[in-house]
Amino acid sequence: NQTDQDSLPPYDVLDDILSLLVEGETRV
C-alpha cells in the first residue's frame, strides 16, 4: 500500500518548490 506521498509532498507542491530551489536559486 505504498504511495510516493507517504514520504514526499504532493507533486504539484514539490515540483513548484524544486523549480524555485533548482532553477531559481530562490531563498527559503
mmCIF file of all heavy atoms, coordinates in Angstrom:
data_MODEL
# 
_entry.id   MODEL 
# 
loop_
_atom_site.group_PDB 
_atom_site.id 
_atom_site.type_symbol 
_atom_site.label_atom_id 
_atom_site.label_alt_id 
_atom_site.label_comp_id 
_atom_site.label_asym_id 
_atom_site.label_entity_id 
_atom_site.label_seq_id 
_atom_site.pdbx_PDB_ins_code 
_atom_site.Cartn_x 
_atom_site.Cartn_y 
_atom_site.Cartn_z 
_atom_site.occupancy 
_atom_site.B_iso_or_equiv 
_atom_site.pdbx_formal_charge 
_atom_site.auth_seq_id 
_atom_site.auth_comp_id 
_atom_site.auth_asym_id 
_atom_site.auth_atom_id 
_atom_site.pdbx_PDB_model_num 
ATOM 1   N N   . ASN A 1 1  ? 0.812  -1.224 0.000   1.00 0.00 ? 1  ASN A N   1 
ATOM 2   C CA  . ASN A 1 1  ? 0.000  0.000  0.000   1.00 0.00 ? 1  ASN A CA  1 
ATOM 3   C C   . ASN A 1 1  ? 0.845  1.274  0.000   1.00 0.00 ? 1  ASN A C   1 
ATOM 4   O O   . ASN A 1 1  ? 0.436  2.308  0.544   1.00 0.00 ? 1  ASN A O   1 
ATOM 5   C CB  . ASN A 1 1  ? -0.946 0.014  1.211   1.00 0.00 ? 1  ASN A CB  1 
ATOM 6   C CG  . ASN A 1 1  ? -1.869 -1.186 1.222   1.00 0.00 ? 1  ASN A CG  1 
ATOM 7   O OD1 . ASN A 1 1  ? -2.441 -1.559 0.190   1.00 0.00 ? 1  ASN A OD1 1 
ATOM 8   N ND2 . ASN A 1 1  ? -2.005 -1.821 2.380   1.00 0.00 ? 1  ASN A ND2 1 
ATOM 9   N N   . GLN A 1 2  ? 2.020  1.212  -0.616  1.00 0.00 ? 2  GLN A N   1 
ATOM 10  C CA  . GLN A 1 2  ? 2.914  2.365  -0.649  1.00 0.00 ? 2  GLN A CA  1 
ATOM 11  C C   . GLN A 1 2  ? 2.480  3.359  -1.730  1.00 0.00 ? 2  GLN A C   1 
ATOM 12  O O   . GLN A 1 2  ? 2.051  2.980  -2.816  1.00 0.00 ? 2  GLN A O   1 
ATOM 13  C CB  . GLN A 1 2  ? 4.348  1.908  -0.946  1.00 0.00 ? 2  GLN A CB  1 
ATOM 14  C CG  . GLN A 1 2  ? 5.377  3.029  -0.967  1.00 0.00 ? 2  GLN A CG  1 
ATOM 15  C CD  . GLN A 1 2  ? 6.754  2.516  -1.370  1.00 0.00 ? 2  GLN A CD  1 
ATOM 16  O OE1 . GLN A 1 2  ? 6.870  1.515  -2.084  1.00 0.00 ? 2  GLN A OE1 1 
ATOM 17  N NE2 . GLN A 1 2  ? 7.787  3.188  -0.901  1.00 0.00 ? 2  GLN A NE2 1 
ATOM 18  N N   . THR A 1 3  ? 2.575  4.662  -1.418  1.00 0.00 ? 3  THR A N   1 
ATOM 19  C CA  . THR A 1 3  ? 2.461  5.699  -2.446  1.00 0.00 ? 3  THR A CA  1 
ATOM 20  C C   . THR A 1 3  ? 3.605  6.684  -2.250  1.00 0.00 ? 3  THR A C   1 
ATOM 21  O O   . THR A 1 3  ? 4.176  6.784  -1.149  1.00 0.00 ? 3  THR A O   1 
ATOM 22  C CB  . THR A 1 3  ? 1.125  6.466  -2.374  1.00 0.00 ? 3  THR A CB  1 
ATOM 23  O OG1 . THR A 1 3  ? 1.095  7.244  -1.183  1.00 0.00 ? 3  THR A OG1 1 
ATOM 24  C CG2 . THR A 1 3  ? -0.065 5.523  -2.419  1.00 0.00 ? 3  THR A CG2 1 
ATOM 25  N N   . ASP A 1 4  ? 3.930  7.427  -3.282  1.00 0.00 ? 4  ASP A N   1 
ATOM 26  C CA  . ASP A 1 4  ? 5.022  8.393  -3.198  1.00 0.00 ? 4  ASP A CA  1 
ATOM 27  C C   . ASP A 1 4  ? 4.761  9.436  -2.117  1.00 0.00 ? 4  ASP A C   1 
ATOM 28  O O   . ASP A 1 4  ? 5.693  9.936  -1.470  1.00 0.00 ? 4  ASP A O   1 
ATOM 29  C CB  . ASP A 1 4  ? 5.216  9.098  -4.542  1.00 0.00 ? 4  ASP A CB  1 
ATOM 30  C CG  . ASP A 1 4  ? 5.755  8.164  -5.619  1.00 0.00 ? 4  ASP A CG  1 
ATOM 31  O OD1 . ASP A 1 4  ? 5.944  6.958  -5.332  1.00 0.00 ? 4  ASP A OD1 1 
ATOM 32  O OD2 . ASP A 1 4  ? 5.973  8.636  -6.753  1.00 0.00 ? 4  ASP A OD2 1 
ATOM 33  N N   . GLN A 1 5  ? 3.485  9.764  -1.912  1.00 0.00 ? 5  GLN A N   1 
ATOM 34  C CA  . GLN A 1 5  ? 3.156  10.822 -0.955  1.00 0.00 ? 5  GLN A CA  1 
ATOM 35  C C   . GLN A 1 5  ? 3.255  10.373 0.500   1.00 0.00 ? 5  GLN A C   1 
ATOM 36  O O   . GLN A 1 5  ? 3.045  11.173 1.414   1.00 0.00 ? 5  GLN A O   1 
ATOM 37  C CB  . GLN A 1 5  ? 1.769  11.384 -1.252  1.00 0.00 ? 5  GLN A CB  1 
ATOM 38  C CG  . GLN A 1 5  ? 1.805  12.574 -2.226  1.00 0.00 ? 5  GLN A CG  1 
ATOM 39  C CD  . GLN A 1 5  ? 2.487  12.250 -3.554  1.00 0.00 ? 5  GLN A CD  1 
ATOM 40  O OE1 . GLN A 1 5  ? 1.937  11.515 -4.370  1.00 0.00 ? 5  GLN A OE1 1 
ATOM 41  N NE2 . GLN A 1 5  ? 3.675  12.790 -3.760  1.00 0.00 ? 5  GLN A NE2 1 
ATOM 42  N N   . ASP A 1 6  ? 3.628  9.092  0.723   1.00 0.00 ? 6  ASP A N   1 
ATOM 43  C CA  . ASP A 1 6  ? 3.944  8.666  2.089   1.00 0.00 ? 6  ASP A CA  1 
ATOM 44  C C   . ASP A 1 6  ? 5.164  9.420  2.621   1.00 0.00 ? 6  ASP A C   1 
ATOM 45  O O   . ASP A 1 6  ? 5.268  9.684  3.824   1.00 0.00 ? 6  ASP A O   1 
ATOM 46  C CB  . ASP A 1 6  ? 4.240  7.164  2.130   1.00 0.00 ? 6  ASP A CB  1 
ATOM 47  C CG  . ASP A 1 6  ? 3.017  6.322  1.805   1.00 0.00 ? 6  ASP A CG  1 
ATOM 48  O OD1 . ASP A 1 6  ? 1.896  6.861  1.847   1.00 0.00 ? 6  ASP A OD1 1 
ATOM 49  O OD2 . ASP A 1 6  ? 3.193  5.128  1.471   1.00 0.00 ? 6  ASP A OD2 1 
ATOM 50  N N   . SER A 1 7  ? 6.090  9.761  1.730   1.00 0.00 ? 7  SER A N   1 
ATOM 51  C CA  . SER A 1 7  ? 7.327  10.401 2.169   1.00 0.00 ? 7  SER A CA  1 
ATOM 52  C C   . SER A 1 7  ? 7.618  11.721 1.468   1.00 0.00 ? 7  SER A C   1 
ATOM 53  O O   . SER A 1 7  ? 8.573  12.407 1.835   1.00 0.00 ? 7  SER A O   1 
ATOM 54  C CB  . SER A 1 7  ? 8.516  9.450  1.932   1.00 0.00 ? 7  SER A CB  1 
ATOM 55  O OG  . SER A 1 7  ? 8.528  8.977  0.598   1.00 0.00 ? 7  SER A OG  1 
ATOM 56  N N   . LEU A 1 8  ? 6.796  12.090 0.481   1.00 0.00 ? 8  LEU A N   1 
ATOM 57  C CA  . LEU A 1 8  ? 7.009  13.332 -0.259  1.00 0.00 ? 8  LEU A CA  1 
ATOM 58  C C   . LEU A 1 8  ? 5.749  14.176 -0.255  1.00 0.00 ? 8  LEU A C   1 
ATOM 59  O O   . LEU A 1 8  ? 4.639  13.644 -0.169  1.00 0.00 ? 8  LEU A O   1 
ATOM 60  C CB  . LEU A 1 8  ? 7.393  13.028 -1.718  1.00 0.00 ? 8  LEU A CB  1 
ATOM 61  C CG  . LEU A 1 8  ? 8.701  12.272 -1.963  1.00 0.00 ? 8  LEU A CG  1 
ATOM 62  C CD1 . LEU A 1 8  ? 8.838  11.953 -3.446  1.00 0.00 ? 8  LEU A CD1 1 
ATOM 63  C CD2 . LEU A 1 8  ? 9.904  13.083 -1.474  1.00 0.00 ? 8  LEU A CD2 1 
ATOM 64  N N   . PRO A 1 9  ? 5.872  15.498 -0.391  1.00 0.00 ? 9  PRO A N   1 
ATOM 65  C CA  . PRO A 1 9  ? 4.677  16.329 -0.565  1.00 0.00 ? 9  PRO A CA  1 
ATOM 66  C C   . PRO A 1 9  ? 3.991  15.979 -1.883  1.00 0.00 ? 9  PRO A C   1 
ATOM 67  O O   . PRO A 1 9  ? 4.589  15.334 -2.761  1.00 0.00 ? 9  PRO A O   1 
ATOM 68  C CB  . PRO A 1 9  ? 5.248  17.761 -0.618  1.00 0.00 ? 9  PRO A CB  1 
ATOM 69  C CG  . PRO A 1 9  ? 6.643  17.673 -0.139  1.00 0.00 ? 9  PRO A CG  1 
ATOM 70  C CD  . PRO A 1 9  ? 7.116  16.287 -0.414  1.00 0.00 ? 9  PRO A CD  1 
ATOM 71  N N   . PRO A 1 10 ? 2.748  16.382 -2.071  1.00 0.00 ? 10 PRO A N   1 
ATOM 72  C CA  . PRO A 1 10 ? 2.100  16.201 -3.375  1.00 0.00 ? 10 PRO A CA  1 
ATOM 73  C C   . PRO A 1 10 ? 2.989  16.789 -4.475  1.00 0.00 ? 10 PRO A C   1 
ATOM 74  O O   . PRO A 1 10 ? 3.646  17.822 -4.280  1.00 0.00 ? 10 PRO A O   1 
ATOM 75  C CB  . PRO A 1 10 ? 0.790  16.973 -3.228  1.00 0.00 ? 10 PRO A CB  1 
ATOM 76  C CG  . PRO A 1 10 ? 0.523  16.991 -1.759  1.00 0.00 ? 10 PRO A CG  1 
ATOM 77  C CD  . PRO A 1 10 ? 1.866  17.042 -1.099  1.00 0.00 ? 10 PRO A CD  1 
ATOM 78  N N   . TYR A 1 11 ? 2.989  16.158 -5.650  1.00 0.00 ? 11 TYR A N   1 
ATOM 79  C CA  . TYR A 1 11 ? 3.954  16.549 -6.673  1.00 0.00 ? 11 TYR A CA  1 
ATOM 80  C C   . TYR A 1 11 ? 3.758  17.975 -7.182  1.00 0.00 ? 11 TYR A C   1 
ATOM 81  O O   . TYR A 1 11 ? 4.729  18.635 -7.567  1.00 0.00 ? 11 TYR A O   1 
ATOM 82  C CB  . TYR A 1 11 ? 3.928  15.546 -7.827  1.00 0.00 ? 11 TYR A CB  1 
ATOM 83  C CG  . TYR A 1 11 ? 4.766  14.324 -7.540  1.00 0.00 ? 11 TYR A CG  1 
ATOM 84  C CD1 . TYR A 1 11 ? 4.175  13.073 -7.390  1.00 0.00 ? 11 TYR A CD1 1 
ATOM 85  C CD2 . TYR A 1 11 ? 6.144  14.425 -7.403  1.00 0.00 ? 11 TYR A CD2 1 
ATOM 86  C CE1 . TYR A 1 11 ? 4.939  11.954 -7.111  1.00 0.00 ? 11 TYR A CE1 1 
ATOM 87  C CE2 . TYR A 1 11 ? 6.919  13.309 -7.122  1.00 0.00 ? 11 TYR A CE2 1 
ATOM 88  C CZ  . TYR A 1 11 ? 6.313  12.076 -6.980  1.00 0.00 ? 11 TYR A CZ  1 
ATOM 89  O OH  . TYR A 1 11 ? 7.081  10.977 -6.695  1.00 0.00 ? 11 TYR A OH  1 
ATOM 90  N N   . ASP A 1 12 ? 2.531  18.489 -7.176  1.00 0.00 ? 12 ASP A N   1 
ATOM 91  C CA  . ASP A 1 12 ? 2.372  19.872 -7.619  1.00 0.00 ? 12 ASP A CA  1 
ATOM 92  C C   . ASP A 1 12 ? 3.060  20.825 -6.651  1.00 0.00 ? 12 ASP A C   1 
ATOM 93  O O   . ASP A 1 12 ? 3.651  21.841 -7.056  1.00 0.00 ? 12 ASP A O   1 
ATOM 94  C CB  . ASP A 1 12 ? 0.893  20.225 -7.806  1.00 0.00 ? 12 ASP A CB  1 
ATOM 95  C CG  . ASP A 1 12 ? 0.063  20.019 -6.556  1.00 0.00 ? 12 ASP A CG  1 
ATOM 96  O OD1 . ASP A 1 12 ? 0.517  19.298 -5.635  1.00 0.00 ? 12 ASP A OD1 1 
ATOM 97  O OD2 . ASP A 1 12 ? -1.057 20.564 -6.489  1.00 0.00 ? 12 ASP A OD2 1 
ATOM 98  N N   . VAL A 1 13 ? 3.022  20.496 -5.357  1.00 0.00 ? 13 VAL A N   1 
ATOM 99  C CA  . VAL A 1 13 ? 3.723  21.295 -4.352  1.00 0.00 ? 13 VAL A CA  1 
ATOM 100 C C   . VAL A 1 13 ? 5.232  21.092 -4.460  1.00 0.00 ? 13 VAL A C   1 
ATOM 101 O O   . VAL A 1 13 ? 6.018  22.047 -4.503  1.00 0.00 ? 13 VAL A O   1 
ATOM 102 C CB  . VAL A 1 13 ? 3.234  20.929 -2.934  1.00 0.00 ? 13 VAL A CB  1 
ATOM 103 C CG1 . VAL A 1 13 ? 4.075  21.640 -1.873  1.00 0.00 ? 13 VAL A CG1 1 
ATOM 104 C CG2 . VAL A 1 13 ? 1.762  21.264 -2.773  1.00 0.00 ? 13 VAL A CG2 1 
ATOM 105 N N   . LEU A 1 14 ? 5.631  19.829 -4.500  1.00 0.00 ? 14 LEU A N   1 
ATOM 106 C CA  . LEU A 1 14 ? 7.059  19.503 -4.558  1.00 0.00 ? 14 LEU A CA  1 
ATOM 107 C C   . LEU A 1 14 ? 7.720  20.139 -5.778  1.00 0.00 ? 14 LEU A C   1 
ATOM 108 O O   . LEU A 1 14 ? 8.802  20.748 -5.680  1.00 0.00 ? 14 LEU A O   1 
ATOM 109 C CB  . LEU A 1 14 ? 7.245  17.988 -4.588  1.00 0.00 ? 14 LEU A CB  1 
ATOM 110 C CG  . LEU A 1 14 ? 8.689  17.488 -4.739  1.00 0.00 ? 14 LEU A CG  1 
ATOM 111 C CD1 . LEU A 1 14 ? 9.521  17.892 -3.533  1.00 0.00 ? 14 LEU A CD1 1 
ATOM 112 C CD2 . LEU A 1 14 ? 8.708  15.974 -4.937  1.00 0.00 ? 14 LEU A CD2 1 
ATOM 113 N N   . ASP A 1 15 ? 7.080  20.018 -6.936  1.00 0.00 ? 15 ASP A N   1 
ATOM 114 C CA  . ASP A 1 15 ? 7.706  20.498 -8.170  1.00 0.00 ? 15 ASP A CA  1 
ATOM 115 C C   . ASP A 1 15 ? 7.832  22.013 -8.196  1.00 0.00 ? 15 ASP A C   1 
ATOM 116 O O   . ASP A 1 15 ? 8.811  22.563 -8.730  1.00 0.00 ? 15 ASP A O   1 
ATOM 117 C CB  . ASP A 1 15 ? 6.923  20.005 -9.381  1.00 0.00 ? 15 ASP A CB  1 
ATOM 118 C CG  . ASP A 1 15 ? 7.063  18.498 -9.581  1.00 0.00 ? 15 ASP A CG  1 
ATOM 119 O OD1 . ASP A 1 15 ? 7.864  17.881 -8.853  1.00 0.00 ? 15 ASP A OD1 1 
ATOM 120 O OD2 . ASP A 1 15 ? 6.384  17.950 -10.463 1.00 0.00 ? 15 ASP A OD2 1 
ATOM 121 N N   . ASP A 1 16 ? 6.865  22.709 -7.608  1.00 0.00 ? 16 ASP A N   1 
ATOM 122 C CA  . ASP A 1 16 ? 6.978  24.169 -7.549  1.00 0.00 ? 16 ASP A CA  1 
ATOM 123 C C   . ASP A 1 16 ? 8.136  24.566 -6.649  1.00 0.00 ? 16 ASP A C   1 
ATOM 124 O O   . ASP A 1 16 ? 8.928  25.456 -6.994  1.00 0.00 ? 16 ASP A O   1 
ATOM 125 C CB  . ASP A 1 16 ? 5.673  24.784 -7.049  1.00 0.00 ? 16 ASP A CB  1 
ATOM 126 C CG  . ASP A 1 16 ? 5.680  26.304 -7.151  1.00 0.00 ? 16 ASP A CG  1 
ATOM 127 O OD1 . ASP A 1 16 ? 5.970  26.820 -8.255  1.00 0.00 ? 16 ASP A OD1 1 
ATOM 128 O OD2 . ASP A 1 16 ? 5.415  26.978 -6.148  1.00 0.00 ? 16 ASP A OD2 1 
ATOM 129 N N   . ILE A 1 17 ? 8.260  23.911 -5.498  1.00 0.00 ? 17 ILE A N   1 
ATOM 130 C CA  . ILE A 1 17 ? 9.368  24.216 -4.590  1.00 0.00 ? 17 ILE A CA  1 
ATOM 131 C C   . ILE A 1 17 ? 10.703 23.904 -5.261  1.00 0.00 ? 17 ILE A C   1 
ATOM 132 O O   . ILE A 1 17 ? 11.652 24.696 -5.209  1.00 0.00 ? 17 ILE A O   1 
ATOM 133 C CB  . ILE A 1 17 ? 9.220  23.426 -3.274  1.00 0.00 ? 17 ILE A CB  1 
ATOM 134 C CG1 . ILE A 1 17 ? 7.984  23.895 -2.503  1.00 0.00 ? 17 ILE A CG1 1 
ATOM 135 C CG2 . ILE A 1 17 ? 10.477 23.566 -2.417  1.00 0.00 ? 17 ILE A CG2 1 
ATOM 136 C CD1 . ILE A 1 17 ? 7.652  23.036 -1.290  1.00 0.00 ? 17 ILE A CD1 1 
ATOM 137 N N   . LEU A 1 18 ? 10.780 22.759 -5.919  1.00 0.00 ? 18 LEU A N   1 
ATOM 138 C CA  . LEU A 1 18 ? 12.031 22.360 -6.554  1.00 0.00 ? 18 LEU A CA  1 
ATOM 139 C C   . LEU A 1 18 ? 12.431 23.302 -7.687  1.00 0.00 ? 18 LEU A C   1 
ATOM 140 O O   . LEU A 1 18 ? 13.605 23.645 -7.838  1.00 0.00 ? 18 LEU A O   1 
ATOM 141 C CB  . LEU A 1 18 ? 11.921 20.927 -7.076  1.00 0.00 ? 18 LEU A CB  1 
ATOM 142 C CG  . LEU A 1 18 ? 11.957 19.838 -6.013  1.00 0.00 ? 18 LEU A CG  1 
ATOM 143 C CD1 . LEU A 1 18 ? 11.623 18.488 -6.626  1.00 0.00 ? 18 LEU A CD1 1 
ATOM 144 C CD2 . LEU A 1 18 ? 13.321 19.796 -5.333  1.00 0.00 ? 18 LEU A CD2 1 
ATOM 145 N N   . SER A 1 19 ? 11.470 23.703 -8.494  1.00 0.00 ? 19 SER A N   1 
ATOM 146 C CA  . SER A 1 19 ? 11.810 24.597 -9.600  1.00 0.00 ? 19 SER A CA  1 
ATOM 147 C C   . SER A 1 19 ? 12.366 25.920 -9.067  1.00 0.00 ? 19 SER A C   1 
ATOM 148 O O   . SER A 1 19 ? 13.275 26.514 -9.660  1.00 0.00 ? 19 SER A O   1 
ATOM 149 C CB  . SER A 1 19 ? 10.597 24.842 -10.500 1.00 0.00 ? 19 SER A CB  1 
ATOM 150 O OG  . SER A 1 19 ? 9.586  25.557 -9.819  1.00 0.00 ? 19 SER A OG  1 
ATOM 151 N N   . LEU A 1 20 ? 11.853 26.363 -7.934  1.00 0.00 ? 20 LEU A N   1 
ATOM 152 C CA  . LEU A 1 20 ? 12.352 27.591 -7.321  1.00 0.00 ? 20 LEU A CA  1 
ATOM 153 C C   . LEU A 1 20 ? 13.749 27.385 -6.732  1.00 0.00 ? 20 LEU A C   1 
ATOM 154 O O   . LEU A 1 20 ? 14.634 28.234 -6.876  1.00 0.00 ? 20 LEU A O   1 
ATOM 155 C CB  . LEU A 1 20 ? 11.389 28.069 -6.237  1.00 0.00 ? 20 LEU A CB  1 
ATOM 156 C CG  . LEU A 1 20 ? 10.031 28.564 -6.744  1.00 0.00 ? 20 LEU A CG  1 
ATOM 157 C CD1 . LEU A 1 20 ? 9.036  28.676 -5.603  1.00 0.00 ? 20 LEU A CD1 1 
ATOM 158 C CD2 . LEU A 1 20 ? 10.183 29.910 -7.449  1.00 0.00 ? 20 LEU A CD2 1 
ATOM 159 N N   . LEU A 1 21 ? 13.969 26.247 -6.080  1.00 0.00 ? 21 LEU A N   1 
ATOM 160 C CA  . LEU A 1 21 ? 15.271 25.975 -5.484  1.00 0.00 ? 21 LEU A CA  1 
ATOM 161 C C   . LEU A 1 21 ? 16.338 25.689 -6.540  1.00 0.00 ? 21 LEU A C   1 
ATOM 162 O O   . LEU A 1 21 ? 17.479 26.152 -6.424  1.00 0.00 ? 21 LEU A O   1 
ATOM 163 C CB  . LEU A 1 21 ? 15.175 24.777 -4.538  1.00 0.00 ? 21 LEU A CB  1 
ATOM 164 C CG  . LEU A 1 21 ? 14.436 24.978 -3.216  1.00 0.00 ? 21 LEU A CG  1 
ATOM 165 C CD1 . LEU A 1 21 ? 14.251 23.653 -2.499  1.00 0.00 ? 21 LEU A CD1 1 
ATOM 166 C CD2 . LEU A 1 21 ? 15.190 25.968 -2.317  1.00 0.00 ? 21 LEU A CD2 1 
ATOM 167 N N   . VAL A 1 22 ? 15.980 24.937 -7.562  1.00 0.00 ? 22 VAL A N   1 
ATOM 168 C CA  . VAL A 1 22 ? 16.975 24.470 -8.536  1.00 0.00 ? 22 VAL A CA  1 
ATOM 169 C C   . VAL A 1 22 ? 17.192 25.500 -9.640  1.00 0.00 ? 22 VAL A C   1 
ATOM 170 O O   . VAL A 1 22 ? 18.311 25.981 -9.847  1.00 0.00 ? 22 VAL A O   1 
ATOM 171 C CB  . VAL A 1 22 ? 16.555 23.119 -9.139  1.00 0.00 ? 22 VAL A CB  1 
ATOM 172 C CG1 . VAL A 1 22 ? 17.547 22.681 -10.221 1.00 0.00 ? 22 VAL A CG1 1 
ATOM 173 C CG2 . VAL A 1 22 ? 16.461 22.057 -8.054  1.00 0.00 ? 22 VAL A CG2 1 
ATOM 174 N N   . GLU A 1 23 ? 16.141 25.825 -10.362 1.00 0.00 ? 23 GLU A N   1 
ATOM 175 C CA  . GLU A 1 23 ? 16.304 26.764 -11.470 1.00 0.00 ? 23 GLU A CA  1 
ATOM 176 C C   . GLU A 1 23 ? 16.417 28.217 -10.987 1.00 0.00 ? 23 GLU A C   1 
ATOM 177 O O   . GLU A 1 23 ? 17.141 29.010 -11.566 1.00 0.00 ? 23 GLU A O   1 
ATOM 178 C CB  . GLU A 1 23 ? 15.152 26.659 -12.455 1.00 0.00 ? 23 GLU A CB  1 
ATOM 179 C CG  . GLU A 1 23 ? 15.256 25.490 -13.410 1.00 0.00 ? 23 GLU A CG  1 
ATOM 180 C CD  . GLU A 1 23 ? 14.323 24.358 -13.038 1.00 0.00 ? 23 GLU A CD  1 
ATOM 181 O OE1 . GLU A 1 23 ? 13.132 24.420 -13.364 1.00 0.00 ? 23 GLU A OE1 1 
ATOM 182 O OE2 . GLU A 1 23 ? 14.807 23.401 -12.413 1.00 0.00 ? 23 GLU A OE2 1 
ATOM 183 N N   . GLY A 1 24 ? 15.693 28.539 -9.904  1.00 0.00 ? 24 GLY A N   1 
ATOM 184 C CA  . GLY A 1 24 ? 15.654 29.923 -9.446  1.00 0.00 ? 24 GLY A CA  1 
ATOM 185 C C   . GLY A 1 24 ? 16.650 30.276 -8.369  1.00 0.00 ? 24 GLY A C   1 
ATOM 186 O O   . GLY A 1 24 ? 16.886 31.463 -8.115  1.00 0.00 ? 24 GLY A O   1 
ATOM 187 N N   . GLU A 1 25 ? 17.261 29.266 -7.711  1.00 0.00 ? 25 GLU A N   1 
ATOM 188 C CA  . GLU A 1 25 ? 18.143 29.520 -6.555  1.00 0.00 ? 25 GLU A CA  1 
ATOM 189 C C   . GLU A 1 25 ? 17.449 30.460 -5.562  1.00 0.00 ? 25 GLU A C   1 
ATOM 190 O O   . GLU A 1 25 ? 18.071 31.351 -4.974  1.00 0.00 ? 25 GLU A O   1 
ATOM 191 C CB  . GLU A 1 25 ? 19.487 30.117 -7.004  1.00 0.00 ? 25 GLU A CB  1 
ATOM 192 C CG  . GLU A 1 25 ? 20.289 29.230 -7.944  1.00 0.00 ? 25 GLU A CG  1 
ATOM 193 C CD  . GLU A 1 25 ? 20.885 28.007 -7.260  1.00 0.00 ? 25 GLU A CD  1 
ATOM 194 O OE1 . GLU A 1 25 ? 20.639 27.809 -6.060  1.00 0.00 ? 25 GLU A OE1 1 
ATOM 195 O OE2 . GLU A 1 25 ? 21.584 27.243 -7.939  1.00 0.00 ? 25 GLU A OE2 1 
ATOM 196 N N   . THR A 1 26 ? 16.165 30.237 -5.353  1.00 0.00 ? 26 THR A N   1 
ATOM 197 C CA  . THR A 1 26 ? 15.336 31.144 -4.558  1.00 0.00 ? 26 THR A CA  1 
ATOM 198 C C   . THR A 1 26 ? 15.538 30.913 -3.062  1.00 0.00 ? 26 THR A C   1 
ATOM 199 O O   . THR A 1 26 ? 15.714 29.777 -2.609  1.00 0.00 ? 26 THR A O   1 
ATOM 200 C CB  . THR A 1 26 ? 13.852 30.932 -4.917  1.00 0.00 ? 26 THR A CB  1 
ATOM 201 O OG1 . THR A 1 26 ? 13.713 31.004 -6.341  1.00 0.00 ? 26 THR A OG1 1 
ATOM 202 C CG2 . THR A 1 26 ? 12.964 31.971 -4.276  1.00 0.00 ? 26 THR A CG2 1 
ATOM 203 N N   . ARG A 1 27 ? 15.498 31.985 -2.293  1.00 0.00 ? 27 ARG A N   1 
ATOM 204 C CA  . ARG A 1 27 ? 15.600 31.883 -0.835  1.00 0.00 ? 27 ARG A CA  1 
ATOM 205 C C   . ARG A 1 27 ? 14.395 31.122 -0.270  1.00 0.00 ? 27 ARG A C   1 
ATOM 206 O O   . ARG A 1 27 ? 13.284 31.222 -0.783  1.00 0.00 ? 27 ARG A O   1 
ATOM 207 C CB  . ARG A 1 27 ? 15.615 33.270 -0.200  1.00 0.00 ? 27 ARG A CB  1 
ATOM 208 C CG  . ARG A 1 27 ? 16.791 34.143 -0.575  1.00 0.00 ? 27 ARG A CG  1 
ATOM 209 C CD  . ARG A 1 27 ? 16.607 35.527 0.015   1.00 0.00 ? 27 ARG A CD  1 
ATOM 210 N NE  . ARG A 1 27 ? 17.675 36.426 -0.392  1.00 0.00 ? 27 ARG A NE  1 
ATOM 211 C CZ  . ARG A 1 27 ? 18.852 36.515 0.216   1.00 0.00 ? 27 ARG A CZ  1 
ATOM 212 N NH1 . ARG A 1 27 ? 19.085 35.761 1.291   1.00 0.00 ? 27 ARG A NH1 1 
ATOM 213 N NH2 . ARG A 1 27 ? 19.777 37.340 -0.220  1.00 0.00 ? 27 ARG A NH2 1 
ATOM 214 N N   . VAL A 1 28 ? 14.629 30.403 0.821   1.00 0.00 ? 28 VAL A N   1 
ATOM 215 C CA  . VAL A 1 28 ? 13.538 29.713 1.514   1.00 0.00 ? 28 VAL A CA  1 
ATOM 216 C C   . VAL A 1 28 ? 12.451 30.715 1.918   1.00 0.00 ? 28 VAL A C   1 
ATOM 217 O O   . VAL A 1 28 ? 11.256 30.453 1.763   1.00 0.00 ? 28 VAL A O   1 
ATOM 218 C CB  . VAL A 1 28 ? 14.078 28.949 2.737   1.00 0.00 ? 28 VAL A CB  1 
ATOM 219 C CG1 . VAL A 1 28 ? 12.932 28.528 3.667   1.00 0.00 ? 28 VAL A CG1 1 
ATOM 220 C CG2 . VAL A 1 28 ? 14.880 27.726 2.292   1.00 0.00 ? 28 VAL A CG2 1 
# 
